[in-house]
Protein backbone atom coordinates (compact mmCIF):
# COMPACT_ATOMS: atom_id res chain seq x y z
CA UNK A 1 84.24 86.23 82.13
CA UNK A 2 82.66 89.66 82.44
CA UNK A 3 82.65 90.15 78.68
CA UNK A 4 81.21 86.69 78.10
CA UNK A 5 78.37 87.23 80.59
CA UNK A 6 77.95 90.88 79.53
CA UNK A 7 78.31 92.08 83.06
CA UNK A 8 80.55 94.28 85.20
CA UNK A 9 83.28 93.68 87.76
CA UNK A 10 83.21 94.73 91.40
CA UNK A 11 86.72 95.15 92.76
CA UNK A 12 87.48 93.25 95.99
CA UNK A 13 91.08 94.43 96.37
CA UNK A 14 91.16 96.84 99.32
CA UNK A 15 94.12 98.81 97.93
CA UNK A 16 92.74 99.25 94.42
CA UNK A 17 90.01 101.36 96.00
CA UNK A 18 92.58 104.16 96.36
CA UNK A 19 93.61 106.60 93.68
CA UNK A 20 97.29 107.30 92.95
CA UNK A 21 98.40 103.65 93.41
CA UNK A 22 97.78 102.10 89.96
CA UNK A 23 101.19 100.46 89.53
CA UNK A 24 101.76 99.07 93.02
CA UNK A 25 98.24 97.67 93.29
CA UNK A 26 98.10 96.39 89.68
CA UNK A 27 94.83 98.29 89.26
CA UNK A 28 92.76 97.71 86.09
CA UNK A 29 94.14 99.74 83.22
CA UNK A 30 92.17 102.30 81.25
CA UNK A 31 91.89 99.72 78.46
CA UNK A 32 90.49 97.16 80.93
CA UNK A 33 87.88 99.62 82.17
CA UNK A 34 86.91 100.58 78.64
CA UNK A 35 86.27 96.91 77.85
CA UNK A 36 84.27 96.21 81.02
CA UNK A 37 82.68 98.45 83.65
CA UNK A 38 84.63 98.25 86.92
CA UNK A 39 83.24 99.39 90.27
CA UNK A 40 85.19 100.40 93.40
CA UNK A 41 88.45 101.22 91.63
CA UNK A 42 90.27 104.49 92.41
CA UNK A 43 87.36 105.92 94.38
CA UNK A 44 89.25 107.03 97.52
CA UNK A 45 91.97 109.50 98.37
CA UNK A 46 95.00 108.16 100.24
CA UNK A 47 93.92 109.92 103.42
CA UNK A 48 90.33 108.60 103.33
CA UNK A 49 89.12 106.19 105.97
CA UNK A 50 87.27 103.15 104.66
CA UNK A 51 86.38 99.87 106.32
CA UNK A 52 85.15 96.42 105.40
CA UNK A 53 81.81 97.31 107.00
CA UNK A 54 81.44 100.33 104.70
CA UNK A 55 82.43 98.18 101.76
CA UNK A 56 79.76 95.61 102.64
CA UNK A 57 77.03 98.25 102.75
CA UNK A 58 78.17 99.97 99.55
CA UNK A 59 78.52 96.74 97.55
CA UNK A 60 75.13 95.38 98.67
CA UNK A 61 73.53 98.67 97.64
CA UNK A 62 75.20 98.48 94.22
CA UNK A 63 74.28 94.80 93.73
CA UNK A 64 70.64 95.61 94.34
CA UNK A 65 70.82 98.00 91.38
CA UNK A 66 72.90 95.74 89.12
CA UNK A 67 70.71 92.68 89.59
CA UNK A 68 67.78 94.61 88.17
CA UNK A 69 69.46 94.38 84.76
CA UNK A 70 72.05 91.59 85.05
CA UNK A 71 71.80 87.95 86.11
CA UNK A 72 75.51 87.63 86.90
CA UNK A 73 77.91 90.06 88.57
CA UNK A 74 81.59 89.30 89.17
CA UNK A 75 83.31 90.15 92.45
CA UNK A 76 87.06 89.84 91.91
CA UNK A 77 90.04 90.35 94.19
CA UNK A 78 92.07 88.90 97.00
CA UNK A 79 91.26 90.95 100.11
CA UNK A 80 89.90 88.27 102.38
CA UNK A 81 87.90 90.41 104.80
CA UNK A 82 86.28 92.40 102.01
CA UNK A 83 85.14 89.24 100.24
CA UNK A 84 83.77 87.79 103.46
CA UNK A 85 82.00 91.08 104.20
CA UNK A 86 79.97 90.72 100.99
CA UNK A 87 79.48 86.95 101.09
CA UNK A 88 78.94 86.39 104.81
CA UNK A 89 78.39 89.80 106.40
CA UNK A 90 80.49 91.59 108.94
CA UNK A 91 79.81 92.29 112.59
CA UNK A 92 78.07 95.55 113.51
CA UNK A 93 81.14 97.29 114.85
CA UNK A 94 80.81 101.05 115.49
CA UNK A 95 82.41 103.49 113.05
CA UNK A 96 85.37 105.23 114.65
CA UNK A 97 85.02 108.98 115.11
CA UNK A 98 87.72 111.33 113.78
CA UNK A 99 88.93 112.36 117.24
CA UNK A 100 89.61 108.79 118.33
CA UNK A 101 91.22 107.89 114.99
CA UNK A 102 93.59 110.86 115.12
CA UNK A 103 94.42 110.17 118.76
CA UNK A 104 95.38 106.55 118.03
CA UNK A 105 97.31 107.46 114.89
CA UNK A 106 99.34 109.94 116.94
CA UNK A 107 100.01 107.36 119.64
CA UNK A 108 101.12 104.81 117.04
CA UNK A 109 103.59 107.30 115.58
CA UNK A 110 104.94 108.27 119.02
CA UNK A 111 104.88 104.96 120.91
CA UNK A 112 105.14 102.31 118.22
CA UNK A 113 103.28 99.05 117.64
CA UNK A 114 104.73 97.05 120.55
CA UNK A 115 103.41 99.45 123.17
CA UNK A 116 99.93 99.46 121.63
CA UNK A 117 99.90 95.67 121.35
CA UNK A 118 100.75 95.40 125.05
CA UNK A 119 97.91 97.79 125.90
CA UNK A 120 95.54 95.67 123.81
CA UNK A 121 96.65 92.62 125.79
CA UNK A 122 95.54 94.37 128.98
CA UNK A 123 92.26 95.79 127.63
CA UNK A 124 91.13 92.87 125.48
CA UNK A 125 93.25 89.75 126.13
CA UNK A 126 90.92 87.50 124.13
CA UNK A 127 91.32 89.50 120.92
CA UNK A 128 95.04 90.00 121.58
CA UNK A 129 95.46 86.22 121.63
CA UNK A 130 93.58 85.79 118.34
CA UNK A 131 94.72 88.70 116.17
CA UNK A 132 97.92 89.33 114.23
CA UNK A 133 99.62 91.71 116.66
CA UNK A 134 102.22 92.56 114.00
CA UNK A 135 99.47 94.18 111.94
CA UNK A 136 99.11 97.85 113.01
CA UNK A 137 95.67 98.16 111.44
CA UNK A 138 94.23 95.31 113.51
CA UNK A 139 95.79 96.45 116.78
CA UNK A 140 94.91 100.11 116.35
CA UNK A 141 91.32 99.42 115.30
CA UNK A 142 90.71 97.17 118.30
CA UNK A 143 92.05 99.85 120.64
CA UNK A 144 89.94 102.51 118.93
CA UNK A 145 86.84 100.43 119.70
CA UNK A 146 87.93 99.97 123.33
CA UNK A 147 88.47 103.69 123.85
CA UNK A 148 85.43 104.92 121.98
CA UNK A 149 82.87 102.48 123.41
CA UNK A 150 84.30 101.42 126.74
CA UNK A 151 83.80 97.81 125.62
CA UNK A 152 86.21 95.20 124.31
CA UNK A 153 86.51 94.64 120.58
CA UNK A 154 85.74 90.98 121.25
CA UNK A 155 82.29 91.86 122.56
CA UNK A 156 81.26 93.11 119.11
CA UNK A 157 82.53 90.04 117.20
CA UNK A 158 79.77 87.48 116.68
CA UNK A 159 80.85 85.96 113.35
CA UNK A 160 77.26 85.23 112.27
CA UNK A 161 76.70 84.48 108.58
CA UNK A 162 73.96 86.71 107.18
CA UNK A 163 71.61 85.48 104.46
CA UNK A 164 71.90 87.18 101.07
CA UNK A 165 69.11 87.69 98.50
CA UNK A 166 71.35 86.29 95.75
CA UNK A 167 73.27 83.10 95.09
CA UNK A 168 77.05 83.11 95.55
CA UNK A 169 79.32 80.94 93.41
CA UNK A 170 82.94 80.98 94.59
CA UNK A 171 85.79 80.34 92.18
CA UNK A 172 89.40 80.24 93.37
CA UNK A 173 92.43 80.53 91.10
CA UNK A 174 95.60 78.63 91.99
CA UNK A 175 98.98 77.88 90.45
CA UNK A 176 101.79 75.49 91.38
CA UNK A 177 104.00 77.16 93.97
CA UNK A 178 107.06 77.25 91.69
CA UNK A 179 105.03 78.86 88.91
CA UNK A 180 103.39 81.33 91.31
CA UNK A 181 106.66 82.44 92.88
CA UNK A 182 108.29 82.94 89.48
CA UNK A 183 105.36 85.13 88.43
CA UNK A 184 105.54 87.13 91.67
CA UNK A 185 109.23 87.85 91.09
CA UNK A 186 108.59 88.83 87.47
CA UNK A 187 105.65 91.00 88.50
CA UNK A 188 107.83 93.05 90.84
CA UNK A 189 110.36 93.57 88.05
CA UNK A 190 107.58 94.62 85.67
CA UNK A 191 106.18 97.09 88.22
CA UNK A 192 109.58 98.68 88.70
CA UNK A 193 109.96 99.01 84.94
CA UNK A 194 106.50 100.64 84.81
CA UNK A 195 107.52 103.30 87.36
CA UNK A 196 106.75 101.89 90.82
CA UNK A 197 109.65 103.74 92.46
CA UNK A 198 108.45 107.09 91.10
CA UNK A 199 104.93 106.25 92.29
CA UNK A 200 106.30 105.49 95.77
CA UNK A 201 108.12 108.85 95.78
CA UNK A 202 104.89 110.68 94.90
CA UNK A 203 102.90 109.12 97.73
CA UNK A 204 105.75 109.15 100.27
CA UNK A 205 104.30 112.18 102.13
CA UNK A 206 101.18 110.08 102.88
CA UNK A 207 103.08 107.07 104.24
CA UNK A 208 101.46 107.32 107.70
CA UNK A 209 98.01 106.58 106.28
CA UNK A 210 96.65 103.04 106.32
CA UNK A 211 96.20 103.09 102.53
CA UNK A 212 99.99 102.77 102.21
CA UNK A 213 100.48 100.11 104.87
CA UNK A 214 100.89 97.52 102.17
CA UNK A 215 103.50 95.39 100.43
CA UNK A 216 105.47 97.27 97.81
CA UNK A 217 105.26 100.72 99.31
CA UNK A 218 106.45 99.89 102.83
CA UNK A 219 109.66 98.37 101.48
CA UNK A 220 110.38 101.20 99.07
CA UNK A 221 109.79 103.74 101.83
CA UNK A 222 112.64 102.06 103.73
CA UNK A 223 114.82 102.63 100.67
CA UNK A 224 113.73 106.26 100.42
CA UNK A 225 114.53 106.64 104.12
CA UNK A 226 118.07 105.47 103.38
CA UNK A 227 117.71 102.35 105.56
CA UNK A 228 117.84 99.74 102.78
CA UNK A 229 119.44 99.45 99.37
CA UNK A 230 117.10 99.34 96.40
CA UNK A 231 118.03 95.74 95.56
CA UNK A 232 117.30 94.64 99.13
CA UNK A 233 113.97 96.49 99.09
CA UNK A 234 112.95 94.66 95.91
CA UNK A 235 113.94 91.31 97.41
CA UNK A 236 111.78 92.12 100.44
CA UNK A 237 108.82 93.04 98.21
CA UNK A 238 109.11 89.69 96.45
CA UNK A 239 109.45 87.80 99.72
CA UNK A 240 106.58 89.61 101.47
CA UNK A 241 104.34 89.08 98.45
CA UNK A 242 105.06 85.35 98.60
CA UNK A 243 104.23 85.37 102.32
CA UNK A 244 100.95 87.17 101.63
CA UNK A 245 100.06 84.71 98.87
CA UNK A 246 100.46 81.83 101.33
CA UNK A 247 98.27 83.66 103.83
CA UNK A 248 95.60 84.11 101.14
CA UNK A 249 95.63 80.43 100.22
CA UNK A 250 95.38 79.38 103.87
CA UNK A 251 92.35 81.65 104.30
CA UNK A 252 90.53 80.66 101.11
CA UNK A 253 91.18 76.92 101.41
CA UNK A 254 89.21 76.90 104.65
CA UNK A 255 86.09 77.68 102.61
CA UNK A 256 84.74 74.36 101.33
CA UNK A 257 82.39 76.22 98.96
CA UNK A 258 85.28 77.40 96.77
CA UNK A 259 85.83 75.62 93.45
CA UNK A 260 89.46 75.69 92.32
CA UNK A 261 90.84 76.16 88.81
CA UNK A 262 94.10 77.12 87.16
CA UNK A 263 93.78 80.68 85.79
CA UNK A 264 94.36 79.45 82.25
CA UNK A 265 91.34 77.11 82.40
CA UNK A 266 89.03 79.78 81.01
CA UNK A 267 86.75 77.40 79.14
CA UNK A 268 86.35 75.12 82.16
CA UNK A 269 85.48 78.07 84.39
CA UNK A 270 82.94 79.42 81.91
CA UNK A 271 81.36 75.97 81.49
CA UNK A 272 81.22 75.50 85.26
CA UNK A 273 79.44 78.83 85.78
CA UNK A 274 76.94 78.13 83.01
CA UNK A 275 76.23 74.64 84.39
CA UNK A 276 75.70 76.00 87.89
CA UNK A 277 73.35 78.73 86.64
CA UNK A 278 71.24 76.19 84.74
CA UNK A 279 71.10 73.81 87.71
CA UNK A 280 69.25 76.31 89.93
């Protein structure tokens, strides 16, 4: 699509923003990036802090530049909050200072997720009831806000859609479940053949950072710790990827503005985009 419309691609996969994870995140290859300009790929170190709010500001700034020369820009990826940040806007939540971030990271390592989730229940019961308390990033960030501001995380969440100075056309790609699951299983095998285990070994010293709190690395770290066999770790990667794919589809199907296609329907997608451009 980017080649056809002579435009560039803005990455909306939150893990492809990080360097040193090309295999596990299926980042665009050098050949891909030589064919088409990609933005927001491999721009961060594993230890760097980056949020959906920062992503929103950075992408909007880039789009303002790109739209001076291009009529169409493609935002591509599956990180739900990052896509919503660009399309709808994100709440004005304060940026966490280094002292608070380090304090909470230390507490997570010492006390574990359950203790922090219980503290969140006491400090912000409304958000505790709504969030995924099994997700360390969500729990820790909410507590960081509570400690840094003296207010609940809920008090900053307004969920107001912000107007954008450009038109947004949403295209979703979907496969039959049997086909999708077969491809997920094959993808894990392909990644292992490409060197995923060696990549996990290289980044193992950084495992405490949020950049590595993701499917593929978490499971292999359990193998490197001696807790799981390699075969069991790979089965867990495949299973957890399937779970995440279902979570993605649940999220995206709530958006009635999304137009769905099979990924192989290239001509239909291109025709649809052209028709929509001409209609406005």
